Amino acid sequence: MWLARLTQRGMLRPSFVPSAAIRAVRDFTRARTDLVRERTRCLQRLEKLLEDAMVKITSAVADGMKAKSAVAMVAALIAGERDPRRISDLAKGPLRGKRDALAEALDGNSGRAWRAAACSRATSAPARSTVAPSRSSITSDTMTPR
C-alpha cells in the first residue's frame, strides 16, 4: 500500500518496459543461445560415442567435430566404411597433410558388436538433468566410477 502512495506522489520512477523491437531481439538471442547449447551437447555426445569406440578424430582435427573433414569422415563411418585409409582420404585443406595421423586416429573398434552397442546407446541414452546436484546431495555412493 505504501508503494501505491509513493507512486501517486511521483516519488518512484516508472519501470523500464522495452520496446517491441528490443523484446524481439532478446527473444532471438535466447533462442540462438539455446540452439548453440543443444548443438554443442550433440557434438559432445557424438565425440564421446566415437571415443568409446577408440576413434579419436578430435586428436587429429583441431576444429573438433564441426570441421568439414570430420563431418565427412563421420558420415563415411555411418555409411559403413571401415577402412581408416579410405576415410582419412576424405580430409580437406590442411588436414590432407595429416592423413597418416588421421588413419591412426580412425583405427578403432569397428566390428559389428561395437556398432550394435553404439547404436543402442545412441537411441536409448537417458535424459540428462539440467540441474546440477547440490553439494549436500552428493554422497560417496554417487562418486563411484561407472
N, C-alpha and C. Protein backbone atom coordinates (compact mmCIF):
# COMPACT_ATOMS: atom_id res chain seq x y z
N MET A 1 0.82 -1.18 0.00
CA MET A 1 0.00 0.00 0.00
C MET A 1 0.87 1.26 0.00
N TRP A 2 1.97 1.21 0.72
CA TRP A 2 2.83 2.38 0.78
C TRP A 2 3.48 2.64 -0.57
N LEU A 3 3.71 1.58 -1.39
CA LEU A 3 4.25 1.78 -2.73
C LEU A 3 3.26 2.54 -3.61
N ALA A 4 1.98 2.26 -3.45
CA ALA A 4 0.96 2.97 -4.23
C ALA A 4 0.97 4.45 -3.88
N ARG A 5 1.13 4.78 -2.61
CA ARG A 5 1.17 6.20 -2.19
C ARG A 5 2.41 6.90 -2.74
N LEU A 6 3.56 6.20 -2.72
CA LEU A 6 4.77 6.80 -3.27
C LEU A 6 4.62 7.05 -4.78
N THR A 7 3.95 6.13 -5.46
CA THR A 7 3.73 6.29 -6.89
C THR A 7 2.78 7.45 -7.15
N GLN A 8 1.72 7.58 -6.35
CA GLN A 8 0.77 8.68 -6.52
C GLN A 8 1.45 10.04 -6.35
N ARG A 9 2.39 10.11 -5.49
CA ARG A 9 3.09 11.38 -5.22
C ARG A 9 4.24 11.61 -6.19
N GLY A 10 4.47 10.66 -7.11
CA GLY A 10 5.53 10.85 -8.11
C GLY A 10 6.93 10.65 -7.55
N MET A 11 7.06 9.90 -6.50
CA MET A 11 8.36 9.70 -5.86
C MET A 11 9.10 8.47 -6.41
N LEU A 12 8.43 7.67 -7.24
CA LEU A 12 9.06 6.49 -7.83
C LEU A 12 9.18 6.67 -9.34
N ARG A 13 10.28 6.17 -9.88
CA ARG A 13 10.44 6.19 -11.33
C ARG A 13 9.66 5.03 -11.92
N PRO A 14 9.10 5.20 -13.10
CA PRO A 14 8.40 4.07 -13.72
C PRO A 14 9.41 3.00 -14.15
N SER A 15 8.96 1.74 -14.15
CA SER A 15 9.86 0.65 -14.53
C SER A 15 10.07 0.67 -16.04
N PHE A 16 11.19 0.11 -16.46
CA PHE A 16 11.54 0.08 -17.89
C PHE A 16 10.79 -1.04 -18.59
N VAL A 17 10.08 -0.69 -19.64
CA VAL A 17 9.40 -1.67 -20.48
C VAL A 17 10.02 -1.54 -21.86
N PRO A 18 10.75 -2.56 -22.30
CA PRO A 18 11.43 -2.46 -23.59
C PRO A 18 10.43 -2.42 -24.74
N SER A 19 10.86 -1.80 -25.81
CA SER A 19 10.00 -1.71 -26.99
C SER A 19 9.86 -3.10 -27.63
N ALA A 20 8.94 -3.21 -28.56
CA ALA A 20 8.70 -4.50 -29.23
C ALA A 20 9.95 -4.98 -29.97
N ALA A 21 10.69 -4.06 -30.57
CA ALA A 21 11.91 -4.44 -31.31
C ALA A 21 12.96 -5.01 -30.36
N ILE A 22 13.12 -4.39 -29.21
CA ILE A 22 14.11 -4.88 -28.24
C ILE A 22 13.67 -6.24 -27.69
N ARG A 23 12.38 -6.41 -27.44
CA ARG A 23 11.89 -7.70 -26.96
C ARG A 23 12.12 -8.80 -28.00
N ALA A 24 11.93 -8.46 -29.28
CA ALA A 24 12.15 -9.45 -30.35
C ALA A 24 13.62 -9.85 -30.42
N VAL A 25 14.53 -8.85 -30.29
CA VAL A 25 15.96 -9.16 -30.31
C VAL A 25 16.32 -10.04 -29.12
N ARG A 26 15.78 -9.76 -27.97
CA ARG A 26 16.04 -10.59 -26.79
C ARG A 26 15.54 -12.02 -26.99
N ASP A 27 14.36 -12.16 -27.58
CA ASP A 27 13.82 -13.50 -27.85
C ASP A 27 14.72 -14.26 -28.82
N PHE A 28 15.17 -13.60 -29.89
CA PHE A 28 16.05 -14.25 -30.85
C PHE A 28 17.38 -14.64 -30.21
N THR A 29 17.90 -13.77 -29.35
CA THR A 29 19.16 -14.05 -28.67
C THR A 29 19.03 -15.28 -27.76
N ARG A 30 17.92 -15.34 -27.03
CA ARG A 30 17.69 -16.51 -26.16
C ARG A 30 17.54 -17.78 -26.98
N ALA A 31 16.81 -17.70 -28.09
CA ALA A 31 16.62 -18.89 -28.93
C ALA A 31 17.96 -19.34 -29.52
N ARG A 32 18.79 -18.40 -29.96
CA ARG A 32 20.09 -18.75 -30.52
C ARG A 32 20.97 -19.40 -29.46
N THR A 33 20.95 -18.86 -28.26
CA THR A 33 21.74 -19.43 -27.17
C THR A 33 21.31 -20.87 -26.91
N ASP A 34 20.00 -21.12 -26.90
CA ASP A 34 19.50 -22.48 -26.69
C ASP A 34 19.94 -23.42 -27.81
N LEU A 35 19.89 -22.94 -29.05
CA LEU A 35 20.29 -23.78 -30.19
C LEU A 35 21.78 -24.09 -30.17
N VAL A 36 22.60 -23.10 -29.83
CA VAL A 36 24.05 -23.33 -29.74
C VAL A 36 24.35 -24.33 -28.63
N ARG A 37 23.68 -24.21 -27.51
CA ARG A 37 23.88 -25.14 -26.40
C ARG A 37 23.50 -26.56 -26.82
N GLU A 38 22.39 -26.71 -27.54
CA GLU A 38 21.94 -28.03 -27.99
C GLU A 38 22.92 -28.62 -29.00
N ARG A 39 23.41 -27.78 -29.93
CA ARG A 39 24.38 -28.26 -30.91
C ARG A 39 25.65 -28.75 -30.21
N THR A 40 26.12 -27.99 -29.25
CA THR A 40 27.32 -28.38 -28.50
C THR A 40 27.10 -29.69 -27.77
N ARG A 41 25.93 -29.85 -27.17
CA ARG A 41 25.62 -31.08 -26.44
C ARG A 41 25.64 -32.29 -27.39
N CYS A 42 25.05 -32.12 -28.57
CA CYS A 42 25.02 -33.22 -29.54
C CYS A 42 26.42 -33.56 -30.05
N LEU A 43 27.24 -32.53 -30.31
CA LEU A 43 28.60 -32.78 -30.77
C LEU A 43 29.43 -33.48 -29.71
N GLN A 44 29.26 -33.09 -28.46
CA GLN A 44 29.99 -33.75 -27.38
C GLN A 44 29.54 -35.20 -27.21
N ARG A 45 28.26 -35.44 -27.39
CA ARG A 45 27.74 -36.80 -27.30
C ARG A 45 28.31 -37.67 -28.42
N LEU A 46 28.37 -37.11 -29.64
CA LEU A 46 28.94 -37.85 -30.76
C LEU A 46 30.42 -38.12 -30.53
N GLU A 47 31.13 -37.12 -30.03
CA GLU A 47 32.56 -37.30 -29.76
C GLU A 47 32.78 -38.40 -28.71
N LYS A 48 31.96 -38.42 -27.67
CA LYS A 48 32.09 -39.45 -26.64
C LYS A 48 31.80 -40.83 -27.21
N LEU A 49 30.78 -40.92 -28.05
CA LEU A 49 30.45 -42.20 -28.68
C LEU A 49 31.62 -42.70 -29.52
N LEU A 50 32.24 -41.81 -30.29
CA LEU A 50 33.39 -42.20 -31.11
C LEU A 50 34.59 -42.58 -30.25
N GLU A 51 34.82 -41.83 -29.18
CA GLU A 51 35.95 -42.13 -28.31
C GLU A 51 35.75 -43.47 -27.59
N ASP A 52 34.51 -43.81 -27.27
CA ASP A 52 34.24 -45.12 -26.67
C ASP A 52 34.61 -46.24 -27.64
N ALA A 53 34.55 -45.94 -28.93
CA ALA A 53 34.90 -46.92 -29.96
C ALA A 53 36.37 -46.80 -30.36
N MET A 54 37.12 -46.02 -29.61
CA MET A 54 38.55 -45.80 -29.86
C MET A 54 38.81 -45.08 -31.19
N VAL A 55 37.83 -44.30 -31.65
CA VAL A 55 38.01 -43.45 -32.83
C VAL A 55 38.26 -42.04 -32.31
N LYS A 56 39.50 -41.58 -32.45
CA LYS A 56 39.93 -40.32 -31.83
C LYS A 56 40.08 -39.23 -32.89
N ILE A 57 39.01 -38.91 -33.60
CA ILE A 57 39.09 -37.91 -34.66
C ILE A 57 39.57 -36.56 -34.11
N THR A 58 39.10 -36.18 -32.95
CA THR A 58 39.44 -34.86 -32.42
C THR A 58 40.91 -34.74 -32.02
N SER A 59 41.61 -35.86 -31.92
CA SER A 59 43.04 -35.77 -31.62
C SER A 59 43.83 -35.28 -32.83
N ALA A 60 43.27 -35.47 -34.02
CA ALA A 60 43.96 -35.06 -35.24
C ALA A 60 43.32 -33.83 -35.88
N VAL A 61 42.06 -33.56 -35.57
CA VAL A 61 41.35 -32.43 -36.17
C VAL A 61 41.25 -31.33 -35.11
N ALA A 62 41.90 -30.21 -35.36
CA ALA A 62 41.95 -29.14 -34.37
C ALA A 62 40.59 -28.48 -34.17
N ASP A 63 39.76 -28.40 -35.21
CA ASP A 63 38.46 -27.74 -35.09
C ASP A 63 37.39 -28.62 -34.48
N GLY A 64 37.74 -29.83 -34.13
CA GLY A 64 36.78 -30.72 -33.50
C GLY A 64 35.79 -31.30 -34.48
N MET A 65 34.63 -31.63 -33.98
CA MET A 65 33.62 -32.32 -34.78
C MET A 65 32.91 -31.40 -35.77
N LYS A 66 33.11 -30.08 -35.67
CA LYS A 66 32.44 -29.16 -36.59
C LYS A 66 33.19 -28.99 -37.90
N ALA A 67 34.42 -29.46 -37.99
CA ALA A 67 35.21 -29.30 -39.21
C ALA A 67 34.58 -30.11 -40.35
N LYS A 68 34.64 -29.58 -41.56
CA LYS A 68 34.05 -30.25 -42.72
C LYS A 68 34.65 -31.64 -42.91
N SER A 69 35.95 -31.75 -42.70
CA SER A 69 36.60 -33.05 -42.85
C SER A 69 36.06 -34.05 -41.84
N ALA A 70 35.90 -33.62 -40.59
CA ALA A 70 35.39 -34.52 -39.55
C ALA A 70 33.96 -34.94 -39.85
N VAL A 71 33.15 -34.00 -40.35
CA VAL A 71 31.77 -34.34 -40.70
C VAL A 71 31.75 -35.37 -41.82
N ALA A 72 32.61 -35.20 -42.82
CA ALA A 72 32.67 -36.15 -43.93
C ALA A 72 33.13 -37.53 -43.44
N MET A 73 34.09 -37.55 -42.53
CA MET A 73 34.59 -38.83 -42.01
C MET A 73 33.53 -39.55 -41.18
N VAL A 74 32.80 -38.80 -40.36
CA VAL A 74 31.74 -39.40 -39.56
C VAL A 74 30.64 -39.92 -40.49
N ALA A 75 30.32 -39.18 -41.53
CA ALA A 75 29.31 -39.64 -42.50
C ALA A 75 29.76 -40.94 -43.16
N ALA A 76 31.05 -41.05 -43.46
CA ALA A 76 31.57 -42.29 -44.06
C ALA A 76 31.48 -43.44 -43.07
N LEU A 77 31.75 -43.18 -41.78
CA LEU A 77 31.62 -44.22 -40.76
C LEU A 77 30.17 -44.68 -40.65
N ILE A 78 29.25 -43.73 -40.70
CA ILE A 78 27.83 -44.06 -40.61
C ILE A 78 27.40 -44.88 -41.82
N ALA A 79 27.95 -44.52 -42.99
CA ALA A 79 27.61 -45.24 -44.22
C ALA A 79 28.18 -46.65 -44.25
N GLY A 80 29.07 -46.98 -43.33
CA GLY A 80 29.59 -48.34 -43.25
C GLY A 80 31.04 -48.49 -43.65
N GLU A 81 31.69 -47.43 -44.04
CA GLU A 81 33.11 -47.51 -44.42
C GLU A 81 33.93 -47.80 -43.16
N ARG A 82 34.83 -48.77 -43.23
CA ARG A 82 35.63 -49.14 -42.06
C ARG A 82 37.13 -49.04 -42.31
N ASP A 83 37.55 -48.81 -43.54
CA ASP A 83 38.97 -48.72 -43.85
C ASP A 83 39.49 -47.34 -43.45
N PRO A 84 40.38 -47.25 -42.43
CA PRO A 84 40.86 -45.96 -41.96
C PRO A 84 41.57 -45.14 -43.06
N ARG A 85 42.26 -45.81 -43.96
CA ARG A 85 42.96 -45.10 -45.04
C ARG A 85 41.97 -44.42 -45.98
N ARG A 86 40.91 -45.13 -46.33
CA ARG A 86 39.92 -44.54 -47.25
C ARG A 86 39.17 -43.41 -46.57
N ILE A 87 38.91 -43.56 -45.28
CA ILE A 87 38.22 -42.48 -44.55
C ILE A 87 39.13 -41.27 -44.42
N SER A 88 40.40 -41.49 -44.14
CA SER A 88 41.33 -40.35 -43.98
C SER A 88 41.55 -39.63 -45.30
N ASP A 89 41.29 -40.30 -46.43
CA ASP A 89 41.40 -39.62 -47.73
C ASP A 89 40.31 -38.58 -47.92
N LEU A 90 39.31 -38.56 -47.06
CA LEU A 90 38.26 -37.55 -47.14
C LEU A 90 38.70 -36.21 -46.54
N ALA A 91 39.90 -36.16 -45.98
CA ALA A 91 40.40 -34.92 -45.38
C ALA A 91 40.50 -33.82 -46.43
N LYS A 92 40.19 -32.61 -46.00
CA LYS A 92 40.22 -31.45 -46.89
C LYS A 92 41.18 -30.41 -46.34
N GLY A 93 41.69 -29.58 -47.23
CA GLY A 93 42.54 -28.46 -46.82
C GLY A 93 43.81 -28.90 -46.13
N PRO A 94 44.16 -28.21 -45.05
CA PRO A 94 45.41 -28.51 -44.34
C PRO A 94 45.46 -29.90 -43.72
N LEU A 95 44.31 -30.52 -43.52
CA LEU A 95 44.30 -31.87 -42.93
C LEU A 95 44.81 -32.93 -43.90
N ARG A 96 44.89 -32.60 -45.16
CA ARG A 96 45.40 -33.59 -46.13
C ARG A 96 46.83 -33.99 -45.79
N GLY A 97 47.57 -33.09 -45.17
CA GLY A 97 48.93 -33.41 -44.77
C GLY A 97 49.00 -34.31 -43.54
N LYS A 98 47.87 -34.47 -42.85
CA LYS A 98 47.83 -35.28 -41.63
C LYS A 98 47.11 -36.60 -41.85
N ARG A 99 47.05 -37.07 -43.08
CA ARG A 99 46.28 -38.28 -43.36
C ARG A 99 46.78 -39.49 -42.59
N ASP A 100 48.08 -39.60 -42.38
CA ASP A 100 48.59 -40.74 -41.61
C ASP A 100 48.10 -40.69 -40.16
N ALA A 101 48.16 -39.50 -39.57
CA ALA A 101 47.68 -39.34 -38.19
C ALA A 101 46.18 -39.58 -38.12
N LEU A 102 45.44 -39.14 -39.13
CA LEU A 102 44.00 -39.37 -39.17
C LEU A 102 43.69 -40.86 -39.28
N ALA A 103 44.42 -41.56 -40.13
CA ALA A 103 44.19 -43.00 -40.29
C ALA A 103 44.44 -43.72 -38.97
N GLU A 104 45.47 -43.31 -38.25
CA GLU A 104 45.75 -43.91 -36.95
C GLU A 104 44.64 -43.60 -35.95
N ALA A 105 44.15 -42.35 -35.99
CA ALA A 105 43.08 -41.94 -35.07
C ALA A 105 41.76 -42.65 -35.40
N LEU A 106 41.57 -43.01 -36.66
CA LEU A 106 40.33 -43.64 -37.08
C LEU A 106 40.34 -45.15 -36.93
N ASP A 107 41.47 -45.73 -36.59
CA ASP A 107 41.59 -47.18 -36.49
C ASP A 107 41.11 -47.63 -35.12
N GLY A 108 39.78 -47.64 -34.94
CA GLY A 108 39.21 -48.02 -33.65
C GLY A 108 38.53 -49.36 -33.72
N ASN A 109 37.66 -49.61 -32.77
CA ASN A 109 36.87 -50.85 -32.75
C ASN A 109 35.70 -50.67 -33.70
N SER A 110 35.75 -51.30 -34.85
CA SER A 110 34.70 -51.08 -35.83
C SER A 110 33.90 -52.34 -36.14
N GLY A 111 33.93 -53.30 -35.26
CA GLY A 111 33.21 -54.54 -35.50
C GLY A 111 31.71 -54.39 -35.34
N ARG A 112 30.98 -55.44 -35.70
CA ARG A 112 29.52 -55.41 -35.61
C ARG A 112 29.05 -55.26 -34.17
N ALA A 113 29.73 -55.91 -33.25
CA ALA A 113 29.30 -55.83 -31.85
C ALA A 113 29.38 -54.40 -31.35
N TRP A 114 30.46 -53.68 -31.73
CA TRP A 114 30.58 -52.29 -31.31
C TRP A 114 29.47 -51.45 -31.93
N ARG A 115 29.20 -51.66 -33.24
CA ARG A 115 28.16 -50.87 -33.91
C ARG A 115 26.81 -51.08 -33.26
N ALA A 116 26.50 -52.32 -32.93
CA ALA A 116 25.21 -52.61 -32.29
C ALA A 116 25.13 -51.93 -30.93
N ALA A 117 26.20 -52.01 -30.16
CA ALA A 117 26.21 -51.36 -28.84
C ALA A 117 26.13 -49.85 -28.98
N ALA A 118 26.85 -49.28 -29.94
CA ALA A 118 26.84 -47.84 -30.14
C ALA A 118 25.47 -47.35 -30.57
N CYS A 119 24.83 -48.09 -31.48
CA CYS A 119 23.51 -47.69 -31.95
C CYS A 119 22.48 -47.78 -30.83
N SER A 120 22.55 -48.84 -30.02
CA SER A 120 21.57 -48.96 -28.94
C SER A 120 21.81 -47.89 -27.88
N ARG A 121 23.06 -47.53 -27.64
CA ARG A 121 23.36 -46.49 -26.66
C ARG A 121 22.89 -45.13 -27.17
N ALA A 122 23.08 -44.87 -28.45
CA ALA A 122 22.69 -43.57 -29.01
C ALA A 122 21.18 -43.40 -29.00
N THR A 123 20.43 -44.48 -29.19
CA THR A 123 18.97 -44.35 -29.23
C THR A 123 18.33 -44.45 -27.87
N SER A 124 19.02 -45.03 -26.89
CA SER A 124 18.40 -45.20 -25.58
C SER A 124 19.16 -44.46 -24.49
N ALA A 125 19.83 -43.36 -24.86
CA ALA A 125 20.57 -42.61 -23.86
C ALA A 125 19.59 -41.94 -22.91
N PRO A 126 19.83 -42.02 -21.60
CA PRO A 126 18.92 -41.41 -20.65
C PRO A 126 18.98 -39.89 -20.75
N ALA A 127 17.85 -39.26 -20.48
CA ALA A 127 17.82 -37.79 -20.49
C ALA A 127 18.63 -37.28 -19.32
N ARG A 128 19.39 -36.25 -19.59
CA ARG A 128 20.22 -35.68 -18.53
C ARG A 128 19.51 -34.50 -17.90
N SER A 129 19.65 -34.39 -16.61
CA SER A 129 19.07 -33.27 -15.91
C SER A 129 19.91 -32.03 -16.13
N THR A 130 19.23 -30.90 -16.29
CA THR A 130 19.98 -29.66 -16.47
C THR A 130 20.28 -28.99 -15.14
N VAL A 131 19.78 -29.57 -14.05
CA VAL A 131 20.01 -29.02 -12.73
C VAL A 131 21.16 -29.77 -12.08
N ALA A 132 22.17 -29.03 -11.66
CA ALA A 132 23.32 -29.65 -11.01
C ALA A 132 22.95 -30.04 -9.59
N PRO A 133 23.43 -31.18 -9.10
CA PRO A 133 23.12 -31.57 -7.73
C PRO A 133 23.81 -30.64 -6.73
N SER A 134 23.14 -30.44 -5.61
CA SER A 134 23.76 -29.61 -4.59
C SER A 134 24.85 -30.40 -3.90
N ARG A 135 25.76 -29.71 -3.22
CA ARG A 135 26.87 -30.39 -2.56
C ARG A 135 26.36 -31.36 -1.50
N SER A 136 25.27 -31.02 -0.84
CA SER A 136 24.77 -31.87 0.22
C SER A 136 24.19 -33.17 -0.32
N SER A 137 23.75 -33.19 -1.59
CA SER A 137 23.15 -34.40 -2.15
C SER A 137 24.18 -35.35 -2.74
N ILE A 138 25.45 -34.93 -2.84
CA ILE A 138 26.49 -35.79 -3.38
C ILE A 138 27.07 -36.63 -2.25
N THR A 139 26.96 -37.93 -2.40
CA THR A 139 27.47 -38.84 -1.37
C THR A 139 28.56 -39.70 -1.98
N SER A 140 29.15 -40.52 -1.16
CA SER A 140 30.20 -41.40 -1.67
C SER A 140 29.64 -42.41 -2.66
N ASP A 141 28.33 -42.73 -2.56
CA ASP A 141 27.70 -43.68 -3.50
C ASP A 141 27.68 -43.10 -4.91
N THR A 142 27.44 -41.79 -5.01
CA THR A 142 27.33 -41.17 -6.34
C THR A 142 28.69 -40.85 -6.94
N MET A 143 29.74 -41.00 -6.16
CA MET A 143 31.07 -40.64 -6.64
C MET A 143 31.81 -41.86 -7.19
N THR A 144 31.18 -43.04 -7.19
CA THR A 144 31.85 -44.22 -7.69
C THR A 144 31.90 -44.18 -9.21
N PRO A 145 33.01 -44.65 -9.80
CA PRO A 145 33.10 -44.64 -11.27
C PRO A 145 32.14 -45.65 -11.87
N ARG A 146 31.71 -45.37 -13.10
CA ARG A 146 30.77 -46.28 -13.80
C ARG A 146 31.50 -47.39 -14.47
